[in-house]
């Protein structure tokens, strides 16, 4: 269903918050960062070693995005009106039962990323975000 859910969120076994929201985005510096940004999350540099926990349309205005080291384990458990909820990862969606606990941790391997010459993250960011661009002139 499309009703609001409660996502019980724990970090390394310690309860962080029970978030009343439409959903929750867990982003890495290279994955889901733009999606997280679109709902108020931060921009992470590609070399940062973090997860971002960003609520989607939270019911409480005090619920804000949280940045944690990627060495932490995140545990998510959903509560809601229905018996199932939808999870999505890399454009693949799976329906999961309410009794499911989702564990998120950094993979045990690294990917090699190509950096093209004369490309700079901050230059690309400025261009994409159109920072310091004045369309009036």
C-alpha atoms as a PDB file:
ATOM      1  CA  UNK A   1       0.000   0.000   0.000  1.00  0.00           C
ATOM      2  CA  UNK A   2       1.058   3.588  -0.316  1.00  0.00           C
ATOM      3  CA  UNK A   3       0.302   4.444   3.299  1.00  0.00           C
ATOM      4  CA  UNK A   4       2.904   5.834   5.671  1.00  0.00           C
ATOM      5  CA  UNK A   5       5.153   3.311   7.384  1.00  0.00           C
ATOM      6  CA  UNK A   6       7.342   3.249  10.478  1.00  0.00           C
ATOM      7  CA  UNK A   7      10.945   2.231   9.861  1.00  0.00           C
ATOM      8  CA  UNK A   8      12.676   1.102  13.042  1.00  0.00           C
ATOM      9  CA  UNK A   9      16.318   1.980  12.406  1.00  0.00           C
ATOM     10  CA  UNK A  10      19.282   0.667  14.402  1.00  0.00           C
ATOM     11  CA  UNK A  11      22.994   1.210  13.978  1.00  0.00           C
ATOM     12  CA  UNK A  12      25.416  -1.454  15.252  1.00  0.00           C
ATOM     13  CA  UNK A  13      22.568  -2.861  17.344  1.00  0.00           C
ATOM     14  CA  UNK A  14      21.756   0.491  18.986  1.00  0.00           C
ATOM     15  CA  UNK A  15      18.329   2.010  18.263  1.00  0.00           C
ATOM     16  CA  UNK A  16      18.615   5.264  16.259  1.00  0.00           C
ATOM     17  CA  UNK A  17      14.982   6.168  15.615  1.00  0.00           C
ATOM     18  CA  UNK A  18      11.572   4.895  14.582  1.00  0.00           C
ATOM     19  CA  UNK A  19      10.920   6.989  11.506  1.00  0.00           C
ATOM     20  CA  UNK A  20       7.329   7.686  10.387  1.00  0.00           C
ATOM     21  CA  UNK A  21       7.695   8.399   6.668  1.00  0.00           C
ATOM     22  CA  UNK A  22       6.816   7.364   3.134  1.00  0.00           C
ATOM     23  CA  UNK A  23      10.144   5.546   2.959  1.00  0.00           C
ATOM     24  CA  UNK A  24      13.844   5.658   3.677  1.00  0.00           C
ATOM     25  CA  UNK A  25      16.855   6.050   1.384  1.00  0.00           C
ATOM     26  CA  UNK A  26      20.193   4.539   2.325  1.00  0.00           C
ATOM     27  CA  UNK A  27      22.786   6.121   0.039  1.00  0.00           C
ATOM     28  CA  UNK A  28      26.514   5.705  -0.481  1.00  0.00           C
ATOM     29  CA  UNK A  29      28.874   8.284  -2.025  1.00  0.00           C
ATOM     30  CA  UNK A  30      28.381   6.657  -5.443  1.00  0.00           C
ATOM     31  CA  UNK A  31      24.888   5.167  -5.179  1.00  0.00           C
ATOM     32  CA  UNK A  32      21.500   6.838  -4.595  1.00  0.00           C
ATOM     33  CA  UNK A  33      23.180  10.122  -3.677  1.00  0.00           C
ATOM     34  CA  UNK A  34      21.117  12.079  -6.242  1.00  0.00           C
ATOM     35  CA  UNK A  35      17.912  10.412  -5.010  1.00  0.00           C
ATOM     36  CA  UNK A  36      18.844  11.288  -1.426  1.00  0.00           C
ATOM     37  CA  UNK A  37      19.699  14.853  -2.497  1.00  0.00           C
ATOM     38  CA  UNK A  38      16.262  15.228  -4.126  1.00  0.00           C
ATOM     39  CA  UNK A  39      14.566  14.711  -0.743  1.00  0.00           C
ATOM     40  CA  UNK A  40      16.930  16.927   1.255  1.00  0.00           C
ATOM     41  CA  UNK A  41      19.947  14.688   1.832  1.00  0.00           C
ATOM     42  CA  UNK A  42      23.573  15.841   1.629  1.00  0.00           C
ATOM     43  CA  UNK A  43      26.091  15.584  -1.183  1.00  0.00           C
ATOM     44  CA  UNK A  44      28.959  13.201  -0.399  1.00  0.00           C
ATOM     45  CA  UNK A  45      32.294  13.307  -2.169  1.00  0.00           C
ATOM     46  CA  UNK A  46      33.070  10.018  -3.961  1.00  0.00           C
ATOM     47  CA  UNK A  47      36.024   9.310  -1.675  1.00  0.00           C
ATOM     48  CA  UNK A  48      34.065   9.633   1.577  1.00  0.00           C
ATOM     49  CA  UNK A  49      33.411   6.437   3.504  1.00  0.00           C
ATOM     50  CA  UNK A  50      29.848   6.938   4.662  1.00  0.00           C
ATOM     51  CA  UNK A  51      26.239   5.875   4.454  1.00  0.00           C
ATOM     52  CA  UNK A  52      23.491   8.490   4.394  1.00  0.00           C
ATOM     53  CA  UNK A  53      20.141   7.666   5.992  1.00  0.00           C
ATOM     54  CA  UNK A  54      17.545   9.986   4.426  1.00  0.00           C
ATOM     55  CA  UNK A  55      13.825   9.803   5.231  1.00  0.00           C
ATOM     56  CA  UNK A  56      11.313  10.341   2.427  1.00  0.00           C
ATOM     57  CA  UNK A  57       8.575  12.775   3.486  1.00  0.00           C
ATOM     58  CA  UNK A  58       8.913  12.185   7.241  1.00  0.00           C
ATOM     59  CA  UNK A  59       5.869  12.815   9.413  1.00  0.00           C
ATOM     60  CA  UNK A  60       7.942  14.689  12.018  1.00  0.00           C
ATOM     61  CA  UNK A  61       9.869  17.780  10.946  1.00  0.00           C
ATOM     62  CA  UNK A  62      12.630  16.995  13.442  1.00  0.00           C
ATOM     63  CA  UNK A  63      13.648  13.851  11.538  1.00  0.00           C
ATOM     64  CA  UNK A  64      16.691  14.779   9.458  1.00  0.00           C
ATOM     65  CA  UNK A  65      19.211  12.911   7.278  1.00  0.00           C
ATOM     66  CA  UNK A  66      22.021  11.232   9.208  1.00  0.00           C
ATOM     67  CA  UNK A  67      25.535  10.480   7.928  1.00  0.00           C
ATOM     68  CA  UNK A  68      27.317   7.484   9.494  1.00  0.00           C
ATOM     69  CA  UNK A  69      30.610   5.716   8.726  1.00  0.00           C
ATOM     70  CA  UNK A  70      30.325   2.841   6.244  1.00  0.00           C
ATOM     71  CA  UNK A  71      31.978   0.596   8.821  1.00  0.00           C
ATOM     72  CA  UNK A  72      28.657   0.565  10.711  1.00  0.00           C
ATOM     73  CA  UNK A  73      25.910  -2.016  10.183  1.00  0.00           C
ATOM     74  CA  UNK A  74      22.411  -0.669   9.643  1.00  0.00           C
ATOM     75  CA  UNK A  75      19.309  -2.652  10.596  1.00  0.00           C
ATOM     76  CA  UNK A  76      15.859  -1.720   9.297  1.00  0.00           C
ATOM     77  CA  UNK A  77      12.501  -3.189  10.276  1.00  0.00           C
ATOM     78  CA  UNK A  78       9.227  -1.871   8.878  1.00  0.00           C
ATOM     79  CA  UNK A  79       5.857  -1.593  10.558  1.00  0.00           C
ATOM     80  CA  UNK A  80       2.696  -0.520   8.752  1.00  0.00           C
ATOM     81  CA  UNK A  81      -0.937  -1.192   7.934  1.00  0.00           C
ATOM     82  CA  UNK A  82      -0.198  -3.827   5.321  1.00  0.00           C
ATOM     83  CA  UNK A  83       1.556  -7.186   5.577  1.00  0.00           C
ATOM     84  CA  UNK A  84       4.235  -6.392   2.977  1.00  0.00           C
ATOM     85  CA  UNK A  85       6.424  -3.525   1.836  1.00  0.00           C
ATOM     86  CA  UNK A  86       8.506  -2.742  -1.219  1.00  0.00           C
ATOM     87  CA  UNK A  87      12.299  -2.587  -1.177  1.00  0.00           C
ATOM     88  CA  UNK A  88      14.321  -1.294  -4.087  1.00  0.00           C
ATOM     89  CA  UNK A  89      18.017  -1.560  -4.926  1.00  0.00           C
ATOM     90  CA  UNK A  90      19.674  -0.609  -8.208  1.00  0.00           C
ATOM     91  CA  UNK A  91      16.324  -0.424 -10.063  1.00  0.00           C
ATOM     92  CA  UNK A  92      15.303  -3.878  -8.806  1.00  0.00           C
ATOM     93  CA  UNK A  93      12.295  -4.079  -6.488  1.00  0.00           C
ATOM     94  CA  UNK A  94      11.274  -6.892  -4.155  1.00  0.00           C
ATOM     95  CA  UNK A  95       8.176  -7.274  -1.998  1.00  0.00           C
ATOM     96  CA  UNK A  96       9.138  -8.239   1.555  1.00  0.00           C
ATOM     97  CA  UNK A  97       7.056  -9.336   4.551  1.00  0.00           C
ATOM     98  CA  UNK A  98       6.740  -7.207   7.680  1.00  0.00           C
ATOM     99  CA  UNK A  99       8.708  -9.657   9.820  1.00  0.00           C
ATOM    100  CA  UNK A 100      11.822  -9.046   7.682  1.00  0.00           C
ATOM    101  CA  UNK A 101      14.846  -7.216   9.082  1.00  0.00           C
ATOM    102  CA  UNK A 102      17.056  -5.655   6.431  1.00  0.00           C
ATOM    103  CA  UNK A 103      20.753  -5.505   7.239  1.00  0.00           C
ATOM    104  CA  UNK A 104      22.972  -3.074   5.338  1.00  0.00           C
ATOM    105  CA  UNK A 105      26.738  -3.272   5.496  1.00  0.00           C
ATOM    106  CA  UNK A 106      29.672  -2.390   3.301  1.00  0.00           C
ATOM    107  CA  UNK A 107      30.630  -5.129   0.876  1.00  0.00           C
ATOM    108  CA  UNK A 108      33.825  -7.064   1.437  1.00  0.00           C
ATOM    109  CA  UNK A 109      35.263  -5.956  -1.908  1.00  0.00           C
ATOM    110  CA  UNK A 110      35.960  -2.687  -3.713  1.00  0.00           C
ATOM    111  CA  UNK A 111      35.269  -1.595  -7.267  1.00  0.00           C
ATOM    112  CA  UNK A 112      37.854   0.163  -9.347  1.00  0.00           C
ATOM    113  CA  UNK A 113      36.529   3.426 -10.726  1.00  0.00           C
ATOM    114  CA  UNK A 114      38.033   5.151 -13.732  1.00  0.00           C
ATOM    115  CA  UNK A 115      38.887   8.823 -13.332  1.00  0.00           C
ATOM    116  CA  UNK A 116      39.243  10.545 -16.673  1.00  0.00           C
ATOM    117  CA  UNK A 117      41.986  13.146 -17.039  1.00  0.00           C
ATOM    118  CA  UNK A 118      40.939  16.752 -16.521  1.00  0.00           C
ATOM    119  CA  UNK A 119      37.744  15.768 -14.700  1.00  0.00           C
ATOM    120  CA  UNK A 120      37.205  17.069 -11.213  1.00  0.00           C
ATOM    121  CA  UNK A 121      34.299  16.152  -8.925  1.00  0.00           C
ATOM    122  CA  UNK A 122      33.773  19.716  -7.734  1.00  0.00           C
ATOM    123  CA  UNK A 123      33.855  21.139 -11.263  1.00  0.00           C
ATOM    124  CA  UNK A 124      31.295  18.559 -12.382  1.00  0.00           C
ATOM    125  CA  UNK A 125      29.158  19.281  -9.329  1.00  0.00           C
ATOM    126  CA  UNK A 126      29.213  23.034  -9.968  1.00  0.00           C
ATOM    127  CA  UNK A 127      28.177  22.485 -13.587  1.00  0.00           C
ATOM    128  CA  UNK A 128      25.390  20.006 -12.813  1.00  0.00           C
ATOM    129  CA  UNK A 129      24.018  22.109  -9.949  1.00  0.00           C
ATOM    130  CA  UNK A 130      24.480  25.307 -11.976  1.00  0.00           C
ATOM    131  CA  UNK A 131      26.115  26.981  -9.006  1.00  0.00           C
ATOM    132  CA  UNK A 132      27.190  30.581  -9.651  1.00  0.00           C
ATOM    133  CA  UNK A 133      25.300  30.616 -12.941  1.00  0.00           C
ATOM    134  CA  UNK A 134      23.304  33.786 -13.479  1.00  0.00           C
ATOM    135  CA  UNK A 135      20.817  33.314 -16.317  1.00  0.00           C
ATOM    136  CA  UNK A 136      19.782  36.983 -16.148  1.00  0.00           C
ATOM    137  CA  UNK A 137      22.854  38.130 -18.087  1.00  0.00           C
END
